[in-house]
Amino acid sequence: MQKVGNVQKFTARPLVPISLDPDSPLILTPAMLLTQRVGVHPSPGKFSDELAPTTTRSVPMSRSAPWYNKELRAMKAKGRQRERLFRKTGLTVHYQALNTAYSSYISKSKMSDVASQFTFIKCLFVYFLCLFDARLFYIDIHIGITKRLKSVEAKAGENCTFECILSRESSEKCTWSLKGQPVTDGGRFQISRQGRKYALTIKAVSASDSGEVVFALKDLSAKAQLTVEGEAPKVSKELQGVSAKIGEDATFSCELSQSGLDVKWSKDGKSIRKSQKYEISQEKTLVKLTIRNVNEKDSGEYSCEITGGPTSKAKLEIKGKELANKFIRELKDTTAEEKSAVAFECETAQPASKVTWLKGTKEIKAGGRYELTQKGTVLILKVKDLEKNDSEAYTCDIGSTKSTAKLTVKDDAFMNRTLDALLCPSDPESCIPYSTLCKQASLVSDPFMKVSR
């Protein structure tokens, strides 16, 4: 290799074919090719000139710009790599990566003289031209359908979904249609999109929905057939409004077109489950909801919804407002001794739907030493095995009003002294103590009778 100025000369010999025959591994010279005689050998001095003559080629060389260093060369190569990737996929994320790479490449370029500036301007022009071409390529890139719509067969009342997947994402808006009529998102129709995946869901399909489903995006379209079998479930007999008095049971019932359908009961939009308060039953096509011991809070709108089907609604009205209820017999203060039992009793004008007993400010629950009873309009609280700390104010709360009485618990010694004074006020020593008399209670019919020693 010789270098003269900006021109470099390369000298080389061309490669020639050789024999692949292991029995005659001789070079195929022009003489052998012409005469087909293997024994013809070239003269030793002319071997290299005949087989591989020397050739010389001059190649002009130019030096790189001063500002074009190794870092810029690597950045340019990286940009070209991202450009090829973007032209292959056409994705937005790859276009953004290409734009970032070329922007970084330009920001790193620094000019030291006018010639370099001119070169930089040319590179900048080429860069924007590449971006323009890339943008045109991005817009005009072909979009295909990877997964087409599939026909669906469903039973009346079921939900069905149609899906379509494109080859890449698109910013264009798609359209759906059923039986030639445009479909919008809402109601029984739900339109969704996740990346390249487009879906249409139809809820509670009926026989009238059978027909062609079409997906369209720009010049792309996909079609499928929807076939619905059977009749859609419906309510044969609607719910009827119910009126009930406080404390009574209220029952709603409706009849369905088919048996075995799943239904959902709700009150004012809130779901109702089977419990002690609510009894839900279903016999073939007849469904019932029974509300036990109704009160003011139970009034409202009740609905029976068939899963994937229609809904029937009706209202419950409460007669005899609880606000009109009152006590016609109040609680009375009571005094009792320890280990005995006492009963508080009161009566209301009408049966109370909810009764709360309180000891001071603490609610009393049935069980243990406490026994709560309600017999129509009569309310009873019984306290057994009285203790000193049972002395307290007891309250019966029926919601609209309250009744309160005080319980006083006395110890045995105090009660004995008090009764002794009552039995023998003039001469206590001449009387038998009440404590002794109590031991002989089975023999005494009158507790205030005087007995001489």
Foldseek 3Di string as FASTA:
>chain_A
DDDDPQKDKDKDWDDDDFDPDPVQRGRCFPVCVVPVDSPDDDDPVCVCCRHTNMDMDMDGHDDDDPQCDPVLVVLVVVLVVLLVVCLVQLAPVSLVVNVVSVVVSLVSGDDDDPVSVVVSVVVVVVVVVSNVVSVVSSVPPDKAWPDFWEADEEEALAKDKTKTFMSFFDPFDKWKDFQNHTDDDDDQWHWDDDGRMTMIMGFRDAQVRWGKMWMDTVPDIGIYTYHYDDGHKDWPFFWEAEEEEAQAKTKTKTFIPFFPFDKWKDFPPHTDDDDPQWHWDDDTGMIMIMGGRDAPVPWGKMKIGTNSDDIHIYTYHYPDHPLPKDWPFFWEAEEEEAQAKDKTKTFMPWFFSDKWKDFANHTDDDDDQWHWDDDTGMTMIMGGRDDQVSFTKMWIDRPNDIHIYTYGYDYPVVVQVVLLCQLCVPDSVQFDGLVVVVVVVVVDDDSSDGDGD
